[in-house]
Amino acid sequence: MRQPNGLFPPRRVSLIAAALVIILATAVMVAAASATTSSRRATIKVGLITKTDTNPFFVKMKQGAQKSANALGAQLLTAAGKIDGDAATQITAIENMTSAGVKGILITPSNDSVVPAIRKARKKGVLVIALDTPPNPPSAVDALFATNNFTAGVLIGKYAKKLFAGKTAKIAMLDLFPGPSVGYLRHNGFLSGFGVSGIKPTDATKYDMSPLIVCSADSFGDQDAGKAGKVTIVSIDGGCAGVRNVRAGVIAATSQQYPLKMASLGVAAVVKYAKTGKKVSGYTDTGVNLITKKPLAGVPSKSLAFGLANCWG
């Protein structure tokens, strides 16, 4: 009841004051809880930029990155070119991810035009690791996690050489398209493995210096050669479709790569950098194995069972 002087009775004032204290204390507790939640949400951000998001190789790479990010408590941001060779989309992704606060970016460079954007990101403290494809120059990135593509070429070159022992081979070289270093490394590796001299792993020129080569062309991924059953095919792949083609006799042997491993190691390296400040550097070989159902002496290979157990796509 209000008193004549307009004041509440003493007991009523005490109750209101107590209520205010409880409300204020609750507000403080809510604020503290919000701060704790925000702290927990401040996870390490890792970027992954692939050439496309449809190629099974890059699909598996993304799966590997996501699995590793989940295990390490990191947040994965992803982007991809619209088509193989789409550097413009990759450049935009580098800029956007840098602005978003990523600690590191894993990228399969479409071509060398992404190099200036990579350098800008690194100047802002972002660790940049190339996966699968080294940029030109290789020093544009902090590190490279990839198949040794020259070695992959050497393996199928040696296999083909053994397969054609005592015969004269006519070689058709089918590459992907001009530009990416993986193309000339695989091309040159095959020729070196087949016995063409004068080719070094560090060469940045695609060589066709053998009279045995009757054709050298860029296929742009077109698999319809029209020579099924009439030629011996060796390839660099390792996807499940490719390994099944080895089993079916369509392909004699394929060099298998491991994109999931590349991405998993890359995410782990970025998380380590975020936590310790230690940057990975140089080249990490993620392995390559020749898969065939007809092993040949002198050429190391793995079985079809191994290839199917470790394939992608």
Protein backbone atom coordinates (compact mmCIF):
# COMPACT_ATOMS: atom_id res chain seq x y z
CA MET A 1 0.00 0.00 0.00
CA ARG A 2 1.30 3.45 -0.89
CA GLN A 3 1.86 5.74 2.14
CA PRO A 4 0.61 9.31 2.17
CA ASN A 5 4.08 10.56 1.39
CA GLY A 6 4.05 8.48 -1.83
CA LEU A 7 6.59 5.92 -0.60
CA PHE A 8 6.13 2.17 -0.53
CA PRO A 9 6.18 0.39 2.80
CA PRO A 10 9.76 -0.57 3.83
CA ARG A 11 9.20 -4.30 3.26
CA ARG A 12 7.91 -3.73 -0.29
CA VAL A 13 10.98 -1.62 -1.15
CA SER A 14 13.27 -4.42 0.04
CA LEU A 15 11.50 -6.94 -2.15
CA ILE A 16 11.77 -4.72 -5.24
CA ALA A 17 15.44 -4.09 -4.57
CA ALA A 18 16.07 -7.79 -4.22
CA ALA A 19 14.30 -8.42 -7.51
CA LEU A 20 16.49 -5.86 -9.24
CA VAL A 21 19.62 -7.49 -7.86
CA ILE A 22 18.50 -10.89 -9.13
CA ILE A 23 17.73 -9.46 -12.58
CA LEU A 24 21.11 -7.72 -12.76
CA ALA A 25 22.93 -10.84 -11.58
CA THR A 26 21.12 -12.89 -14.20
CA ALA A 27 22.16 -10.43 -16.90
CA VAL A 28 25.78 -10.74 -15.81
CA MET A 29 25.56 -14.55 -15.91
CA VAL A 30 24.02 -14.46 -19.40
CA ALA A 31 26.80 -12.15 -20.59
CA ALA A 32 29.43 -14.48 -19.15
CA ALA A 33 27.80 -17.47 -20.82
CA SER A 34 27.73 -15.60 -24.16
CA ALA A 35 31.42 -14.80 -23.84
CA THR A 36 32.21 -18.46 -23.20
CA THR A 37 30.15 -19.57 -26.20
CA SER A 38 31.84 -16.99 -28.45
CA SER A 39 35.23 -18.20 -27.29
CA ARG A 40 34.33 -21.78 -28.13
CA ARG A 41 33.09 -20.74 -31.54
CA ALA A 42 36.33 -18.92 -32.39
CA THR A 43 37.64 -21.96 -34.24
CA ILE A 44 40.55 -22.06 -36.64
CA LYS A 45 39.46 -21.38 -40.21
CA VAL A 46 41.03 -23.31 -43.09
CA GLY A 47 40.39 -22.62 -46.77
CA LEU A 48 40.32 -25.22 -49.54
CA ILE A 49 40.26 -24.11 -53.19
CA THR A 50 40.14 -26.80 -55.87
CA LYS A 51 40.14 -26.64 -59.67
CA THR A 52 36.53 -27.88 -59.85
CA ASP A 53 34.00 -29.40 -57.46
CA THR A 54 32.84 -32.10 -59.88
CA ASN A 55 36.00 -34.06 -60.68
CA PRO A 56 36.07 -37.15 -58.40
CA PHE A 57 39.71 -36.38 -57.56
CA PHE A 58 38.76 -33.03 -56.04
CA VAL A 59 35.59 -34.43 -54.48
CA LYS A 60 37.75 -36.90 -52.56
CA MET A 61 40.19 -34.11 -51.68
CA LYS A 62 37.33 -32.08 -50.18
CA GLN A 63 36.13 -35.11 -48.22
CA GLY A 64 39.60 -35.61 -46.80
CA ALA A 65 39.87 -31.96 -45.81
CA GLN A 66 36.45 -31.95 -44.15
CA LYS A 67 37.15 -35.14 -42.21
CA SER A 68 40.45 -33.75 -40.95
CA ALA A 69 38.88 -30.38 -40.07
CA ASN A 70 36.12 -32.10 -38.09
CA ALA A 71 38.64 -34.21 -36.20
CA LEU A 72 40.80 -31.19 -35.34
CA GLY A 73 37.94 -28.83 -34.48
CA ALA A 74 38.60 -26.49 -37.41
CA GLN A 75 36.15 -24.75 -39.73
CA LEU A 76 36.60 -25.55 -43.43
CA LEU A 77 35.75 -22.94 -46.06
CA THR A 78 35.65 -24.26 -49.63
CA ALA A 79 35.56 -22.91 -53.17
CA ALA A 80 36.27 -24.24 -56.66
CA GLY A 81 36.65 -23.09 -60.23
CA LYS A 82 33.62 -23.42 -62.48
CA ILE A 83 35.69 -25.46 -64.94
CA ASP A 84 39.24 -26.80 -65.02
CA GLY A 85 41.44 -23.80 -65.76
CA ASP A 86 39.14 -21.20 -64.16
CA ALA A 87 41.75 -19.09 -62.38
CA ALA A 88 39.50 -16.02 -61.97
CA THR A 89 37.18 -17.81 -59.55
CA GLN A 90 40.15 -19.13 -57.60
CA ILE A 91 41.62 -15.62 -57.28
CA THR A 92 38.32 -14.29 -55.92
CA ALA A 93 38.19 -17.19 -53.45
CA ILE A 94 41.71 -16.43 -52.18
CA GLU A 95 40.74 -12.81 -51.55
CA ASN A 96 37.44 -13.72 -49.87
CA MET A 97 38.99 -16.35 -47.62
CA THR A 98 41.78 -14.00 -46.58
CA SER A 99 39.16 -11.38 -45.62
CA ALA A 100 37.24 -14.08 -43.71
CA GLY A 101 40.25 -14.66 -41.46
CA VAL A 102 41.52 -18.07 -42.54
CA LYS A 103 44.85 -19.12 -41.04
CA GLY A 104 45.75 -21.11 -44.12
CA ILE A 105 44.63 -21.86 -47.66
CA LEU A 106 45.04 -25.18 -49.45
CA ILE A 107 44.87 -24.74 -53.22
CA THR A 108 45.18 -26.75 -56.42
CA PRO A 109 46.23 -23.87 -58.71
CA SER A 110 44.39 -23.74 -62.05
CA ASN A 111 47.33 -21.92 -63.63
CA ASP A 112 50.07 -19.48 -62.76
CA SER A 113 47.84 -16.41 -62.91
CA VAL A 114 46.79 -17.15 -59.30
CA VAL A 115 50.33 -16.52 -58.05
CA PRO A 116 49.97 -12.74 -57.35
CA ALA A 117 46.85 -13.38 -55.23
CA ILE A 118 48.68 -16.13 -53.33
CA ARG A 119 51.56 -13.77 -52.59
CA LYS A 120 49.18 -11.11 -51.28
CA ALA A 121 47.57 -13.63 -48.95
CA ARG A 122 50.94 -14.75 -47.61
CA LYS A 123 51.94 -11.14 -46.90
CA LYS A 124 48.89 -10.95 -44.64
CA GLY A 125 50.07 -13.95 -42.63
CA VAL A 126 48.07 -16.68 -44.38
CA LEU A 127 49.86 -20.02 -44.77
CA VAL A 128 49.38 -21.19 -48.37
CA ILE A 129 49.91 -24.85 -49.30
CA ALA A 130 49.57 -26.14 -52.86
CA LEU A 131 47.95 -29.55 -53.23
CA ASP A 132 48.59 -31.81 -56.23
CA THR A 133 49.77 -29.01 -58.55
CA PRO A 134 52.85 -26.86 -57.88
CA PRO A 135 52.63 -23.24 -59.01
CA ASN A 136 55.31 -21.58 -61.10
CA PRO A 137 57.52 -20.64 -59.37
CA PRO A 138 57.18 -23.28 -56.62
CA SER A 139 58.36 -20.67 -54.10
CA ALA A 140 55.06 -18.80 -54.56
CA VAL A 141 53.57 -21.05 -51.86
CA ASP A 142 54.86 -22.05 -48.43
CA ALA A 143 54.70 -25.77 -49.18
CA LEU A 144 53.53 -28.43 -51.62
CA PHE A 145 51.74 -31.67 -50.72
CA ALA A 146 51.46 -33.73 -53.88
CA THR A 147 52.13 -36.81 -55.93
CA ASN A 148 55.54 -36.77 -57.53
CA ASN A 149 54.05 -36.46 -61.01
CA PHE A 150 57.37 -37.04 -62.75
CA THR A 151 57.75 -40.31 -60.83
CA ALA A 152 54.16 -41.24 -61.72
CA GLY A 153 55.06 -40.79 -65.39
CA VAL A 154 58.28 -42.78 -65.01
CA LEU A 155 56.35 -45.74 -63.57
CA ILE A 156 53.97 -46.04 -66.52
CA GLY A 157 56.84 -45.36 -68.94
CA LYS A 158 58.90 -48.21 -67.50
CA TYR A 159 55.89 -50.50 -67.57
CA ALA A 160 55.16 -49.72 -71.22
CA LYS A 161 58.85 -50.20 -72.12
CA LYS A 162 58.85 -53.65 -70.52
CA LEU A 163 55.55 -54.53 -72.11
CA PHE A 164 56.93 -53.71 -75.58
CA ALA A 165 60.30 -55.39 -75.08
CA GLY A 166 61.50 -56.66 -78.45
CA LYS A 167 58.81 -54.72 -80.33
CA THR A 168 58.74 -51.29 -81.95
CA ALA A 169 56.24 -49.09 -80.19
CA LYS A 170 54.36 -46.19 -81.74
CA ILE A 171 53.56 -43.72 -78.99
CA ALA A 172 50.59 -41.34 -78.80
CA MET A 173 50.90 -38.82 -75.96
CA LEU A 174 47.52 -37.58 -74.71
CA ASP A 175 47.86 -34.81 -72.13
CA LEU A 176 45.11 -32.79 -70.41
CA PHE A 177 45.58 -29.22 -71.64
CA PRO A 178 48.39 -26.61 -71.80
CA GLY A 179 49.44 -24.83 -68.64
CA PRO A 180 49.44 -26.92 -65.44
CA SER A 181 52.85 -28.24 -64.43
CA VAL A 182 51.40 -31.68 -63.66
CA GLY A 183 50.91 -32.12 -67.41
CA TYR A 184 54.49 -31.69 -68.55
CA LEU A 185 55.85 -33.51 -65.48
CA ARG A 186 53.78 -36.61 -66.28
CA HIS A 187 54.51 -36.32 -70.00
CA ASN A 188 58.26 -36.00 -69.48
CA GLY A 189 58.27 -38.67 -66.79
CA PHE A 190 56.69 -41.19 -69.15
CA LEU A 191 59.29 -40.50 -71.84
CA SER A 192 62.10 -40.76 -69.30
CA GLY A 193 60.73 -44.07 -68.02
CA PHE A 194 60.42 -45.33 -71.59
CA GLY A 195 64.12 -44.67 -72.09
CA VAL A 196 64.31 -41.25 -73.74
CA SER A 197 67.53 -39.64 -72.47
CA GLY A 198 68.24 -36.04 -71.58
CA ILE A 199 65.06 -35.33 -69.58
CA LYS A 200 65.32 -34.05 -66.01
CA PRO A 201 62.57 -33.86 -63.35
CA THR A 202 63.21 -30.12 -63.02
CA ASP A 203 62.59 -29.35 -66.69
CA ALA A 204 59.63 -27.02 -67.27
CA THR A 205 59.32 -27.79 -70.99
CA LYS A 206 57.20 -30.57 -72.49
CA TYR A 207 59.47 -32.75 -74.62
CA ASP A 208 58.62 -34.83 -77.67
CA MET A 209 62.16 -35.82 -78.58
CA SER A 210 61.67 -39.40 -79.69
CA PRO A 211 61.04 -40.74 -83.21
CA LEU A 212 58.66 -43.26 -81.60
CA ILE A 213 56.13 -40.48 -80.88
CA VAL A 214 53.56 -40.37 -83.69
CA CYS A 215 51.08 -38.08 -81.96
CA SER A 216 51.13 -35.58 -79.10
CA ALA A 217 47.92 -33.73 -78.31
CA ASP A 218 45.86 -32.22 -75.51
CA SER A 219 42.68 -34.21 -74.89
CA PHE A 220 40.94 -31.75 -72.54
CA GLY A 221 39.65 -34.76 -70.64
CA ASP A 222 37.93 -36.43 -73.57
CA GLN A 223 38.12 -40.20 -72.98
CA ASP A 224 36.58 -41.28 -76.33
CA ALA A 225 39.74 -42.26 -78.21
CA GLY A 226 38.02 -44.69 -80.54
CA LYS A 227 40.88 -47.20 -80.30
CA ALA A 228 39.56 -49.55 -77.63
CA GLY A 229 41.11 -52.99 -77.97
CA LYS A 230 43.58 -51.80 -80.60
CA VAL A 231 46.12 -49.99 -78.40
CA THR A 232 47.84 -50.45 -75.06
CA ILE A 233 46.86 -47.71 -72.63
CA VAL A 234 48.78 -46.64 -69.53
CA SER A 235 47.60 -43.73 -67.45
CA ILE A 236 48.08 -41.57 -64.39
CA ASP A 237 44.91 -41.63 -62.35
CA GLY A 238 44.10 -43.99 -59.51
CA GLY A 239 40.40 -43.27 -59.34
CA CYS A 240 38.07 -46.23 -58.85
CA ALA A 241 36.83 -46.02 -62.45
CA GLY A 242 40.42 -46.17 -63.69
CA VAL A 243 41.31 -49.13 -61.48
CA ARG A 244 38.18 -50.97 -62.61
CA ASN A 245 39.31 -50.35 -66.20
CA VAL A 246 42.63 -51.98 -65.31
CA ARG A 247 40.70 -54.97 -63.99
CA ALA A 248 38.64 -55.07 -67.21
CA GLY A 249 41.74 -54.91 -69.40
CA VAL A 250 40.91 -51.49 -70.90
CA ILE A 251 44.00 -49.97 -69.21
CA ALA A 252 47.19 -51.99 -68.77
CA ALA A 253 48.46 -50.04 -65.76
CA THR A 254 47.75 -46.79 -63.93
CA SER A 255 49.77 -44.71 -61.48
CA GLN A 256 47.58 -44.14 -58.43
CA GLN A 257 47.54 -40.85 -56.53
CA TYR A 258 46.06 -40.08 -53.09
CA PRO A 259 44.12 -36.79 -52.93
CA LEU A 260 42.53 -37.53 -49.55
CA LYS A 261 45.98 -37.78 -47.98
CA MET A 262 47.08 -34.48 -49.56
CA ALA A 263 44.13 -32.62 -48.07
CA SER A 264 44.28 -34.29 -44.64
CA LEU A 265 47.94 -33.43 -44.22
CA GLY A 266 47.27 -29.89 -45.43
CA VAL A 267 44.53 -29.20 -42.88
CA ALA A 268 46.69 -30.60 -40.09
CA ALA A 269 49.57 -28.31 -41.13
CA VAL A 270 47.33 -25.22 -41.05
CA VAL A 271 45.94 -26.10 -37.61
CA LYS A 272 49.47 -26.61 -36.30
CA TYR A 273 50.49 -23.22 -37.70
CA ALA A 274 47.48 -21.57 -36.04
CA LYS A 275 48.33 -23.09 -32.68
CA THR A 276 52.13 -22.86 -32.68
CA GLY A 277 53.11 -20.36 -35.37
CA LYS A 278 55.27 -23.02 -37.00
CA LYS A 279 54.97 -23.09 -40.80
CA VAL A 280 55.41 -26.18 -42.92
CA SER A 281 57.75 -25.73 -45.87
CA GLY A 282 59.11 -27.53 -48.91
CA TYR A 283 57.70 -30.57 -50.67
CA THR A 284 55.86 -33.47 -49.06
CA ASP A 285 55.51 -36.50 -51.34
CA THR A 286 52.08 -38.05 -50.75
CA GLY A 287 53.00 -41.22 -52.63
CA VAL A 288 52.23 -42.96 -55.91
CA ASN A 289 51.85 -46.64 -56.79
CA LEU A 290 51.55 -48.46 -60.10
CA ILE A 291 48.38 -50.57 -60.21
CA THR A 292 48.21 -53.49 -62.66
CA LYS A 293 46.87 -57.01 -62.88
CA LYS A 294 49.94 -58.10 -64.85
CA PRO A 295 53.09 -57.29 -62.82
CA LEU A 296 56.35 -57.07 -64.75
CA ALA A 297 59.80 -57.79 -63.34
CA GLY A 298 61.78 -54.66 -62.56
CA VAL A 299 58.75 -52.37 -62.32
CA PRO A 300 57.39 -52.02 -58.77
CA SER A 301 53.61 -52.30 -58.63
CA LYS A 302 50.64 -53.00 -56.39
CA SER A 303 47.76 -55.43 -56.90
CA LEU A 304 44.25 -54.67 -58.09
CA ALA A 305 43.01 -55.41 -54.57
CA PHE A 306 45.28 -52.68 -53.21
CA GLY A 307 44.20 -50.29 -55.95
CA LEU A 308 40.50 -50.85 -55.30
CA ALA A 309 40.96 -50.48 -51.54
CA ASN A 310 42.73 -47.13 -51.97
CA CYS A 311 41.00 -45.62 -54.98
CA TRP A 312 38.76 -42.56 -55.01
CA GLY A 313 35.61 -41.57 -56.84
